[in-house]
Amino acid sequence: MLTITGTGLWGFTILLIVVLFIASSVSGILRGVRILSNINLFFYLGMLGMVLLFGGTVFILSFGMEGIGAFVQNFVPRALFTGAISGDSWAQDWPMFYFGNWMAWAPITAVFLGRIAYGRTVREFIFMNLLATSLFSIIWFMIISGATINMYLNHPGSGILEAFQLGYENVIYQLLQNIPMSTVMIPLYLLVVLISFVTASDSTTIAIAGVCSKGITLDSPDSSKALKVVWGIIIAGLTWVMLFAGEGITGVKMLSNIGGLPAMFFSIAVIVGAIKVGTQGYSK
């Protein structure tokens, strides 16, 4: 089992992502972002189809149905679980981290989604940005986790347990090694992850640059290319600092918590304002 680590690899990965997302953001929403998103969706669907077909179709579907039932049944208790009595750190390691992460992303993501929503109905906006994306996330977790557990339970020689003991980030690669055409599937997964980071970063760069620009109109919706490059470099610098000064993912978690708390109050204020505006009557 191959495990690659090192500061040089991290630095190269950051540099590659930065160059790609700056180039994509400079090209504009209708070119770079849209093209990369369409390509990535095609790759995602192809990879999910292969895992579903060769990872134990019946088990995956059955496991997925049980998972949905358990989610509905335990949603409220798990959402309010803090581990204060039991001393369980699960709440801090996962739900609280993701809550902070989502809150930190929410304001600037809303700016980008509002930008691309122009010309579309509220129904279309809700369906594409809330319902369709949530459904895809459910399908993704159902297929990938179901195939992994199937390999672990029913295929003792799959190496899933050994991969997990090395670190849970290795499990997905070991799963793909047990799928036909693994020499294609693993590079495809890396490409999907790369494009996902690029599209997330370039949309953020476009939104931040737009907020910092004057003269943004419906006829001229893009900010200057130089401003996008500047913000791209700033994002890259912060990424480097948090990964190496903050001991890897620990620094990212800390930054998410720091940014998520003020963003939460900002989001609450925006929601209250949106409700207030939405309930007001306007003349034609």
C-alpha atoms as a PDB file:
ATOM      1  CA  MET A   1       0.000   0.000   0.000  1.00  0.00           C
ATOM      2  CA  LEU A   2       1.526   3.299  -1.127  1.00  0.00           C
ATOM      3  CA  THR A   3       1.453   6.263   1.230  1.00  0.00           C
ATOM      4  CA  ILE A   4       2.944   9.547   0.024  1.00  0.00           C
ATOM      5  CA  THR A   5       3.637  12.359   2.466  1.00  0.00           C
ATOM      6  CA  GLY A   6       5.944  15.331   2.684  1.00  0.00           C
ATOM      7  CA  THR A   7       5.997  19.102   2.682  1.00  0.00           C
ATOM      8  CA  GLY A   8       7.034  19.183  -0.971  1.00  0.00           C
ATOM      9  CA  LEU A   9       3.973  17.224  -2.053  1.00  0.00           C
ATOM     10  CA  TRP A  10       1.668  19.474  -0.029  1.00  0.00           C
ATOM     11  CA  GLY A  11       3.279  22.549  -1.514  1.00  0.00           C
ATOM     12  CA  PHE A  12       2.992  21.226  -5.067  1.00  0.00           C
ATOM     13  CA  THR A  13      -0.665  20.333  -4.529  1.00  0.00           C
ATOM     14  CA  ILE A  14      -1.481  23.797  -3.173  1.00  0.00           C
ATOM     15  CA  LEU A  15       0.378  25.455  -6.060  1.00  0.00           C
ATOM     16  CA  LEU A  16      -1.433  23.333  -8.655  1.00  0.00           C
ATOM     17  CA  ILE A  17      -4.864  24.068  -7.188  1.00  0.00           C
ATOM     18  CA  VAL A  18      -4.082  27.781  -6.886  1.00  0.00           C
ATOM     19  CA  VAL A  19      -2.916  28.107 -10.492  1.00  0.00           C
ATOM     20  CA  LEU A  20      -5.984  26.263 -11.765  1.00  0.00           C
ATOM     21  CA  PHE A  21      -8.592  28.100  -9.705  1.00  0.00           C
ATOM     22  CA  ILE A  22      -7.086  31.520 -10.426  1.00  0.00           C
ATOM     23  CA  ALA A  23      -7.103  30.735 -14.147  1.00  0.00           C
ATOM     24  CA  SER A  24     -10.686  29.492 -13.874  1.00  0.00           C
ATOM     25  CA  SER A  25     -11.900  32.508 -11.895  1.00  0.00           C
ATOM     26  CA  VAL A  26     -10.206  34.952 -14.273  1.00  0.00           C
ATOM     27  CA  SER A  27     -11.938  33.297 -17.240  1.00  0.00           C
ATOM     28  CA  GLY A  28     -15.329  34.050 -15.660  1.00  0.00           C
ATOM     29  CA  ILE A  29     -18.370  32.123 -14.479  1.00  0.00           C
ATOM     30  CA  LEU A  30     -19.710  31.231 -17.903  1.00  0.00           C
ATOM     31  CA  ARG A  31     -16.430  29.695 -19.031  1.00  0.00           C
ATOM     32  CA  GLY A  32     -14.105  28.310 -16.367  1.00  0.00           C
ATOM     33  CA  VAL A  33     -16.523  27.558 -13.545  1.00  0.00           C
ATOM     34  CA  ARG A  34     -19.269  26.129 -15.735  1.00  0.00           C
ATOM     35  CA  ILE A  35     -16.944  23.969 -17.833  1.00  0.00           C
ATOM     36  CA  LEU A  36     -15.142  22.514 -14.820  1.00  0.00           C
ATOM     37  CA  SER A  37     -18.420  21.876 -12.983  1.00  0.00           C
ATOM     38  CA  ASN A  38     -19.938  20.029 -15.943  1.00  0.00           C
ATOM     39  CA  ILE A  39     -16.820  17.905 -16.409  1.00  0.00           C
ATOM     40  CA  ASN A  40     -16.694  17.069 -12.715  1.00  0.00           C
ATOM     41  CA  LEU A  41     -20.341  16.027 -12.587  1.00  0.00           C
ATOM     42  CA  PHE A  42     -19.731  13.604 -15.450  1.00  0.00           C
ATOM     43  CA  PHE A  43     -16.718  12.093 -13.655  1.00  0.00           C
ATOM     44  CA  TYR A  44     -18.617  11.862 -10.356  1.00  0.00           C
ATOM     45  CA  LEU A  45     -21.493   9.968 -11.948  1.00  0.00           C
ATOM     46  CA  GLY A  46     -19.146   7.614 -13.773  1.00  0.00           C
ATOM     47  CA  MET A  47     -17.206   6.767 -10.617  1.00  0.00           C
ATOM     48  CA  LEU A  48     -20.362   6.269  -8.547  1.00  0.00           C
ATOM     49  CA  GLY A  49     -21.767   3.980 -11.237  1.00  0.00           C
ATOM     50  CA  MET A  50     -18.659   1.787 -11.167  1.00  0.00           C
ATOM     51  CA  VAL A  51     -18.625   1.532  -7.363  1.00  0.00           C
ATOM     52  CA  LEU A  52     -22.346   0.762  -7.250  1.00  0.00           C
ATOM     53  CA  LEU A  53     -22.012  -1.899  -9.933  1.00  0.00           C
ATOM     54  CA  PHE A  54     -18.951  -3.700  -8.555  1.00  0.00           C
ATOM     55  CA  GLY A  55     -19.042  -2.811  -4.854  1.00  0.00           C
ATOM     56  CA  GLY A  56     -22.046  -4.978  -3.946  1.00  0.00           C
ATOM     57  CA  THR A  57     -25.169  -3.427  -5.433  1.00  0.00           C
ATOM     58  CA  VAL A  58     -27.749  -5.172  -3.259  1.00  0.00           C
ATOM     59  CA  PHE A  59     -25.828  -4.528  -0.045  1.00  0.00           C
ATOM     60  CA  ILE A  60     -25.257  -0.865  -0.930  1.00  0.00           C
ATOM     61  CA  LEU A  61     -28.936  -0.210  -1.638  1.00  0.00           C
ATOM     62  CA  SER A  62     -30.092  -2.091   1.473  1.00  0.00           C
ATOM     63  CA  PHE A  63     -27.500  -0.388   3.661  1.00  0.00           C
ATOM     64  CA  GLY A  64     -28.485   2.981   2.221  1.00  0.00           C
ATOM     65  CA  MET A  65     -32.136   2.486   3.093  1.00  0.00           C
ATOM     66  CA  GLU A  66     -31.215   1.548   6.655  1.00  0.00           C
ATOM     67  CA  GLY A  67     -28.947   4.571   6.868  1.00  0.00           C
ATOM     68  CA  ILE A  68     -31.707   6.939   5.780  1.00  0.00           C
ATOM     69  CA  GLY A  69     -34.028   5.418   8.377  1.00  0.00           C
ATOM     70  CA  ALA A  70     -31.419   5.756  11.123  1.00  0.00           C
ATOM     71  CA  PHE A  71     -30.760   9.363  10.088  1.00  0.00           C
ATOM     72  CA  VAL A  72     -34.438  10.281  10.331  1.00  0.00           C
ATOM     73  CA  GLN A  73     -34.834   8.466  13.645  1.00  0.00           C
ATOM     74  CA  ASN A  74     -31.723   9.948  15.304  1.00  0.00           C
ATOM     75  CA  PHE A  75     -31.543  13.370  13.669  1.00  0.00           C
ATOM     76  CA  VAL A  76     -32.678  15.430  16.660  1.00  0.00           C
ATOM     77  CA  PRO A  77     -30.693  13.517  19.349  1.00  0.00           C
ATOM     78  CA  ARG A  78     -27.523  13.580  17.240  1.00  0.00           C
ATOM     79  CA  ALA A  79     -27.974  17.239  16.309  1.00  0.00           C
ATOM     80  CA  LEU A  80     -28.180  18.193  19.998  1.00  0.00           C
ATOM     81  CA  PHE A  81     -25.526  15.744  21.253  1.00  0.00           C
ATOM     82  CA  THR A  82     -22.497  17.428  22.861  1.00  0.00           C
ATOM     83  CA  GLY A  83     -20.831  14.563  24.748  1.00  0.00           C
ATOM     84  CA  ALA A  84     -20.727  16.596  27.968  1.00  0.00           C
ATOM     85  CA  ILE A  85     -21.759  13.685  30.204  1.00  0.00           C
ATOM     86  CA  SER A  86     -20.125  10.768  28.418  1.00  0.00           C
ATOM     87  CA  GLY A  87     -16.930  12.642  27.599  1.00  0.00           C
ATOM     88  CA  ASP A  88     -17.225  11.508  23.989  1.00  0.00           C
ATOM     89  CA  SER A  89     -15.218  13.793  21.671  1.00  0.00           C
ATOM     90  CA  TRP A  90     -17.226  12.781  18.595  1.00  0.00           C
ATOM     91  CA  ALA A  91     -19.380  15.917  18.730  1.00  0.00           C
ATOM     92  CA  GLN A  92     -16.344  18.215  18.758  1.00  0.00           C
ATOM     93  CA  ASP A  93     -14.474  16.251  16.096  1.00  0.00           C
ATOM     94  CA  TRP A  94     -17.325  16.021  13.596  1.00  0.00           C
ATOM     95  CA  PRO A  95     -20.680  17.864  13.950  1.00  0.00           C
ATOM     96  CA  MET A  96     -19.320  20.996  15.620  1.00  0.00           C
ATOM     97  CA  PHE A  97     -16.429  21.188  13.169  1.00  0.00           C
ATOM     98  CA  TYR A  98     -18.766  20.891  10.201  1.00  0.00           C
ATOM     99  CA  PHE A  99     -21.279  23.337  11.659  1.00  0.00           C
ATOM    100  CA  GLY A 100     -18.483  25.878  12.007  1.00  0.00           C
ATOM    101  CA  ASN A 101     -17.205  25.074   8.540  1.00  0.00           C
ATOM    102  CA  TRP A 102     -20.638  25.504   6.950  1.00  0.00           C
ATOM    103  CA  MET A 103     -21.236  28.759   8.797  1.00  0.00           C
ATOM    104  CA  ALA A 104     -17.870  30.123   7.684  1.00  0.00           C
ATOM    105  CA  TRP A 105     -18.670  29.268   4.064  1.00  0.00           C
ATOM    106  CA  ALA A 106     -22.295  30.411   4.132  1.00  0.00           C
ATOM    107  CA  PRO A 107     -22.025  34.209   3.624  1.00  0.00           C
ATOM    108  CA  ILE A 108     -19.614  34.201   0.682  1.00  0.00           C
ATOM    109  CA  THR A 109     -21.241  31.137  -0.890  1.00  0.00           C
ATOM    110  CA  ALA A 110     -24.587  32.929  -0.738  1.00  0.00           C
ATOM    111  CA  VAL A 111     -23.051  35.831  -2.662  1.00  0.00           C
ATOM    112  CA  PHE A 112     -21.876  33.483  -5.422  1.00  0.00           C
ATOM    113  CA  LEU A 113     -25.168  31.583  -5.587  1.00  0.00           C
ATOM    114  CA  GLY A 114     -27.056  34.855  -5.762  1.00  0.00           C
ATOM    115  CA  ARG A 115     -24.802  35.898  -8.631  1.00  0.00           C
ATOM    116  CA  ILE A 116     -25.505  32.800 -10.735  1.00  0.00           C
ATOM    117  CA  ALA A 117     -29.217  32.805  -9.803  1.00  0.00           C
ATOM    118  CA  TYR A 118     -29.943  35.853 -11.945  1.00  0.00           C
ATOM    119  CA  GLY A 119     -32.488  35.003 -14.640  1.00  0.00           C
ATOM    120  CA  ARG A 120     -33.823  31.938 -12.831  1.00  0.00           C
ATOM    121  CA  THR A 121     -36.969  31.441 -10.796  1.00  0.00           C
ATOM    122  CA  VAL A 122     -37.016  30.887  -7.038  1.00  0.00           C
ATOM    123  CA  ARG A 123     -38.256  27.348  -7.666  1.00  0.00           C
ATOM    124  CA  GLU A 124     -35.303  26.589  -9.949  1.00  0.00           C
ATOM    125  CA  PHE A 125     -32.881  28.102  -7.449  1.00  0.00           C
ATOM    126  CA  ILE A 126     -34.215  26.038  -4.531  1.00  0.00           C
ATOM    127  CA  PHE A 127     -34.278  22.830  -6.565  1.00  0.00           C
ATOM    128  CA  MET A 128     -30.741  23.086  -7.951  1.00  0.00           C
ATOM    129  CA  ASN A 129     -28.934  24.566  -4.940  1.00  0.00           C
ATOM    130  CA  LEU A 130     -30.776  22.834  -2.096  1.00  0.00           C
ATOM    131  CA  LEU A 131     -32.672  19.741  -3.194  1.00  0.00           C
ATOM    132  CA  ALA A 132     -30.540  18.372  -6.043  1.00  0.00           C
ATOM    133  CA  THR A 133     -27.234  18.926  -4.255  1.00  0.00           C
ATOM    134  CA  SER A 134     -28.539  17.364  -1.030  1.00  0.00           C
ATOM    135  CA  LEU A 135     -29.835  14.360  -2.965  1.00  0.00           C
ATOM    136  CA  PHE A 136     -26.480  13.894  -4.681  1.00  0.00           C
ATOM    137  CA  SER A 137     -24.686  14.043  -1.310  1.00  0.00           C
ATOM    138  CA  ILE A 138     -27.000  11.354   0.074  1.00  0.00           C
ATOM    139  CA  ILE A 139     -26.352   9.130  -2.951  1.00  0.00           C
ATOM    140  CA  TRP A 140     -22.594   9.683  -2.714  1.00  0.00           C
ATOM    141  CA  PHE A 141     -22.362   8.753   0.965  1.00  0.00           C
ATOM    142  CA  MET A 142     -24.737   5.840   0.512  1.00  0.00           C
ATOM    143  CA  ILE A 143     -22.737   4.264  -2.321  1.00  0.00           C
ATOM    144  CA  ILE A 144     -19.196   4.936  -1.082  1.00  0.00           C
ATOM    145  CA  SER A 145     -19.840   4.026   2.566  1.00  0.00           C
ATOM    146  CA  GLY A 146     -22.005   1.047   1.617  1.00  0.00           C
ATOM    147  CA  ALA A 147     -19.352  -0.375  -0.702  1.00  0.00           C
ATOM    148  CA  THR A 148     -16.647   0.159   1.917  1.00  0.00           C
ATOM    149  CA  ILE A 149     -18.578  -1.613   4.668  1.00  0.00           C
ATOM    150  CA  ASN A 150     -19.495  -4.398   2.254  1.00  0.00           C
ATOM    151  CA  MET A 151     -15.820  -4.930   1.438  1.00  0.00           C
ATOM    152  CA  TYR A 152     -14.927  -4.938   5.131  1.00  0.00           C
ATOM    153  CA  LEU A 153     -17.658  -7.381   6.194  1.00  0.00           C
ATOM    154  CA  ASN A 154     -17.851  -9.744   3.238  1.00  0.00           C
ATOM    155  CA  HIS A 155     -14.353  -9.592   1.723  1.00  0.00           C
ATOM    156  CA  PRO A 156     -11.780 -10.144   4.509  1.00  0.00           C
ATOM    157  CA  GLY A 157      -8.841  -9.853   2.113  1.00  0.00           C
ATOM    158  CA  SER A 158      -9.881  -6.454   0.798  1.00  0.00           C
ATOM    159  CA  GLY A 159      -7.429  -4.578   3.050  1.00  0.00           C
ATOM    160  CA  ILE A 160     -10.051  -2.079   4.238  1.00  0.00           C
ATOM    161  CA  LEU A 161      -9.215  -2.570   7.925  1.00  0.00           C
ATOM    162  CA  GLU A 162      -5.480  -2.186   7.323  1.00  0.00           C
ATOM    163  CA  ALA A 163      -6.096   0.998   5.333  1.00  0.00           C
ATOM    164  CA  PHE A 164      -8.248   2.416   8.129  1.00  0.00           C
ATOM    165  CA  GLN A 165      -5.535   1.692  10.686  1.00  0.00           C
ATOM    166  CA  LEU A 166      -3.126   3.784   8.614  1.00  0.00           C
ATOM    167  CA  GLY A 167      -5.637   6.649   8.567  1.00  0.00           C
ATOM    168  CA  TYR A 168      -9.224   6.918   7.407  1.00  0.00           C
ATOM    169  CA  GLU A 169      -8.167   9.042   4.417  1.00  0.00           C
ATOM    170  CA  ASN A 170      -6.555   5.886   2.959  1.00  0.00           C
ATOM    171  CA  VAL A 171      -9.793   3.880   2.940  1.00  0.00           C
ATOM    172  CA  ILE A 172     -11.231   5.350  -0.264  1.00  0.00           C
ATOM    173  CA  TYR A 173      -8.086   4.388  -2.195  1.00  0.00           C
ATOM    174  CA  GLN A 174      -8.167   0.851  -0.851  1.00  0.00           C
ATOM    175  CA  LEU A 175     -11.835   0.604  -1.799  1.00  0.00           C
ATOM    176  CA  LEU A 176     -11.062   1.658  -5.362  1.00  0.00           C
ATOM    177  CA  GLN A 177      -8.241  -0.902  -5.526  1.00  0.00           C
ATOM    178  CA  ASN A 178     -10.900  -3.580  -5.053  1.00  0.00           C
ATOM    179  CA  ILE A 179     -12.958  -2.220  -7.953  1.00  0.00           C
ATOM    180  CA  PRO A 180     -12.270  -3.311 -11.561  1.00  0.00           C
ATOM    181  CA  MET A 181     -10.112  -0.866 -13.538  1.00  0.00           C
ATOM    182  CA  SER A 182      -8.535   0.425 -10.324  1.00  0.00           C
ATOM    183  CA  THR A 183      -5.642   1.909 -12.319  1.00  0.00           C
ATOM    184  CA  VAL A 184      -8.220   4.202 -13.916  1.00  0.00           C
ATOM    185  CA  MET A 185     -10.513   4.685 -10.928  1.00  0.00           C
ATOM    186  CA  ILE A 186      -7.859   5.975  -8.510  1.00  0.00           C
ATOM    187  CA  PRO A 187      -6.489   8.674 -10.859  1.00  0.00           C
ATOM    188  CA  LEU A 188     -10.086   9.557 -11.732  1.00  0.00           C
ATOM    189  CA  TYR A 189     -10.887  10.027  -8.049  1.00  0.00           C
ATOM    190  CA  LEU A 190      -7.846  12.271  -7.604  1.00  0.00           C
ATOM    191  CA  LEU A 191      -8.945  14.301 -10.623  1.00  0.00           C
ATOM    192  CA  VAL A 192     -12.462  14.635  -9.206  1.00  0.00           C
ATOM    193  CA  VAL A 193     -11.098  15.850  -5.871  1.00  0.00           C
ATOM    194  CA  LEU A 194      -8.779  18.294  -7.633  1.00  0.00           C
ATOM    195  CA  ILE A 195     -11.563  19.778  -9.755  1.00  0.00           C
ATOM    196  CA  SER A 196     -13.836  19.974  -6.692  1.00  0.00           C
ATOM    197  CA  PHE A 197     -11.245  22.040  -4.820  1.00  0.00           C
ATOM    198  CA  VAL A 198     -10.709  24.220  -7.873  1.00  0.00           C
ATOM    199  CA  THR A 199     -14.412  24.931  -8.428  1.00  0.00           C
ATOM    200  CA  ALA A 200     -14.973  25.657  -4.730  1.00  0.00           C
ATOM    201  CA  SER A 201     -12.004  28.016  -4.627  1.00  0.00           C
ATOM    202  CA  ASP A 202     -12.680  29.854  -7.876  1.00  0.00           C
ATOM    203  CA  SER A 203     -16.318  30.494  -6.961  1.00  0.00           C
ATOM    204  CA  THR A 204     -15.152  31.912  -3.621  1.00  0.00           C
ATOM    205  CA  THR A 205     -12.549  34.066  -5.351  1.00  0.00           C
ATOM    206  CA  ILE A 206     -15.140  35.428  -7.789  1.00  0.00           C
ATOM    207  CA  ALA A 207     -17.545  36.232  -4.948  1.00  0.00           C
ATOM    208  CA  ILE A 208     -14.935  37.955  -2.758  1.00  0.00           C
ATOM    209  CA  ALA A 209     -13.590  39.970  -5.681  1.00  0.00           C
ATOM    210  CA  GLY A 210     -17.139  41.015  -6.561  1.00  0.00           C
ATOM    211  CA  VAL A 211     -17.827  42.229  -3.026  1.00  0.00           C
ATOM    212  CA  CYS A 212     -14.631  44.312  -3.133  1.00  0.00           C
ATOM    213  CA  SER A 213     -15.442  45.888  -6.514  1.00  0.00           C
ATOM    214  CA  LYS A 214     -17.345  48.988  -7.491  1.00  0.00           C
ATOM    215  CA  GLY A 215     -19.524  49.314 -10.549  1.00  0.00           C
ATOM    216  CA  ILE A 216     -20.785  45.714 -10.581  1.00  0.00           C
ATOM    217  CA  THR A 217     -23.998  45.636 -12.613  1.00  0.00           C
ATOM    218  CA  LEU A 218     -26.124  43.052 -14.391  1.00  0.00           C
ATOM    219  CA  ASP A 219     -24.571  44.126 -17.685  1.00  0.00           C
ATOM    220  CA  SER A 220     -21.043  44.040 -16.245  1.00  0.00           C
ATOM    221  CA  PRO A 221     -21.130  41.410 -13.471  1.00  0.00           C
ATOM    222  CA  ASP A 222     -17.437  40.487 -13.299  1.00  0.00           C
ATOM    223  CA  SER A 223     -14.777  42.204 -11.218  1.00  0.00           C
ATOM    224  CA  SER A 224     -11.310  42.953 -12.551  1.00  0.00           C
ATOM    225  CA  LYS A 225      -8.992  40.054 -13.323  1.00  0.00           C
ATOM    226  CA  ALA A 226      -6.211  41.612 -11.253  1.00  0.00           C
ATOM    227  CA  LEU A 227      -8.421  41.651  -8.162  1.00  0.00           C
ATOM    228  CA  LYS A 228      -9.265  37.978  -8.657  1.00  0.00           C
ATOM    229  CA  VAL A 229      -5.571  37.139  -8.883  1.00  0.00           C
ATOM    230  CA  VAL A 230      -4.824  39.090  -5.699  1.00  0.00           C
ATOM    231  CA  TRP A 231      -7.539  37.310  -3.736  1.00  0.00           C
ATOM    232  CA  GLY A 232      -6.444  33.970  -5.148  1.00  0.00           C
ATOM    233  CA  ILE A 233      -2.916  34.560  -3.864  1.00  0.00           C
ATOM    234  CA  ILE A 234      -4.255  35.626  -0.455  1.00  0.00           C
ATOM    235  CA  ILE A 235      -6.352  32.456  -0.193  1.00  0.00           C
ATOM    236  CA  ALA A 236      -3.314  30.371  -1.177  1.00  0.00           C
ATOM    237  CA  GLY A 237      -1.169  32.063   1.467  1.00  0.00           C
ATOM    238  CA  LEU A 238      -3.732  31.461   4.191  1.00  0.00           C
ATOM    239  CA  THR A 239      -4.019  27.822   3.136  1.00  0.00           C
ATOM    240  CA  TRP A 240      -0.264  27.364   3.388  1.00  0.00           C
ATOM    241  CA  VAL A 241      -0.054  29.011   6.800  1.00  0.00           C
ATOM    242  CA  MET A 242      -2.951  27.046   8.288  1.00  0.00           C
ATOM    243  CA  LEU A 243      -1.718  23.694   6.975  1.00  0.00           C
ATOM    244  CA  PHE A 244       1.862  24.015   8.188  1.00  0.00           C
ATOM    245  CA  ALA A 245       1.656  26.398  11.142  1.00  0.00           C
ATOM    246  CA  GLY A 246      -1.574  24.792  12.347  1.00  0.00           C
ATOM    247  CA  GLU A 247      -0.418  21.156  12.117  1.00  0.00           C
ATOM    248  CA  GLY A 248      -2.425  20.132   9.083  1.00  0.00           C
ATOM    249  CA  ILE A 249      -6.146  19.608   9.424  1.00  0.00           C
ATOM    250  CA  THR A 250      -6.052  20.852  13.037  1.00  0.00           C
ATOM    251  CA  GLY A 251      -5.340  24.353  11.802  1.00  0.00           C
ATOM    252  CA  VAL A 252      -8.166  24.154   9.296  1.00  0.00           C
ATOM    253  CA  LYS A 253     -10.573  23.084  12.038  1.00  0.00           C
ATOM    254  CA  MET A 254      -9.434  25.938  14.249  1.00  0.00           C
ATOM    255  CA  LEU A 255      -9.905  28.472  11.449  1.00  0.00           C
ATOM    256  CA  SER A 256     -13.366  27.071  10.688  1.00  0.00           C
ATOM    257  CA  ASN A 257     -14.429  27.510  14.302  1.00  0.00           C
ATOM    258  CA  ILE A 258     -13.003  31.030  14.450  1.00  0.00           C
ATOM    259  CA  GLY A 259     -14.709  32.085  11.237  1.00  0.00           C
ATOM    260  CA  GLY A 260     -17.909  30.163  11.832  1.00  0.00           C
ATOM    261  CA  LEU A 261     -18.957  31.894  15.060  1.00  0.00           C
ATOM    262  CA  PRO A 262     -19.204  35.484  13.746  1.00  0.00           C
ATOM    263  CA  ALA A 263     -20.550  34.182  10.438  1.00  0.00           C
ATOM    264  CA  MET A 264     -23.371  32.480  12.348  1.00  0.00           C
ATOM    265  CA  PHE A 265     -24.603  35.775  13.810  1.00  0.00           C
ATOM    266  CA  PHE A 266     -24.243  37.448  10.426  1.00  0.00           C
ATOM    267  CA  SER A 267     -26.269  34.673   8.774  1.00  0.00           C
ATOM    268  CA  ILE A 268     -28.993  34.934  11.422  1.00  0.00           C
ATOM    269  CA  ALA A 269     -29.248  38.680  10.788  1.00  0.00           C
ATOM    270  CA  VAL A 270     -29.485  38.071   7.038  1.00  0.00           C
ATOM    271  CA  ILE A 271     -32.224  35.465   7.529  1.00  0.00           C
ATOM    272  CA  VAL A 272     -34.219  37.854   9.713  1.00  0.00           C
ATOM    273  CA  GLY A 273     -33.776  40.579   7.109  1.00  0.00           C
ATOM    274  CA  ALA A 274     -34.824  38.262   4.289  1.00  0.00           C
ATOM    275  CA  ILE A 275     -37.991  37.272   6.155  1.00  0.00           C
ATOM    276  CA  LYS A 276     -38.767  40.919   6.839  1.00  0.00           C
ATOM    277  CA  VAL A 277     -38.275  41.895   3.199  1.00  0.00           C
ATOM    278  CA  GLY A 278     -40.200  38.870   1.951  1.00  0.00           C
ATOM    279  CA  THR A 279     -43.246  39.668   4.062  1.00  0.00           C
ATOM    280  CA  GLN A 280     -43.488  43.268   2.884  1.00  0.00           C
ATOM    281  CA  GLY A 281     -45.900  44.175   0.148  1.00  0.00           C
ATOM    282  CA  TYR A 282     -44.649  45.935  -2.958  1.00  0.00           C
ATOM    283  CA  SER A 283     -46.562  47.716  -5.667  1.00  0.00           C
ATOM    284  CA  LYS A 284     -45.887  46.673  -9.242  1.00  0.00           C
END
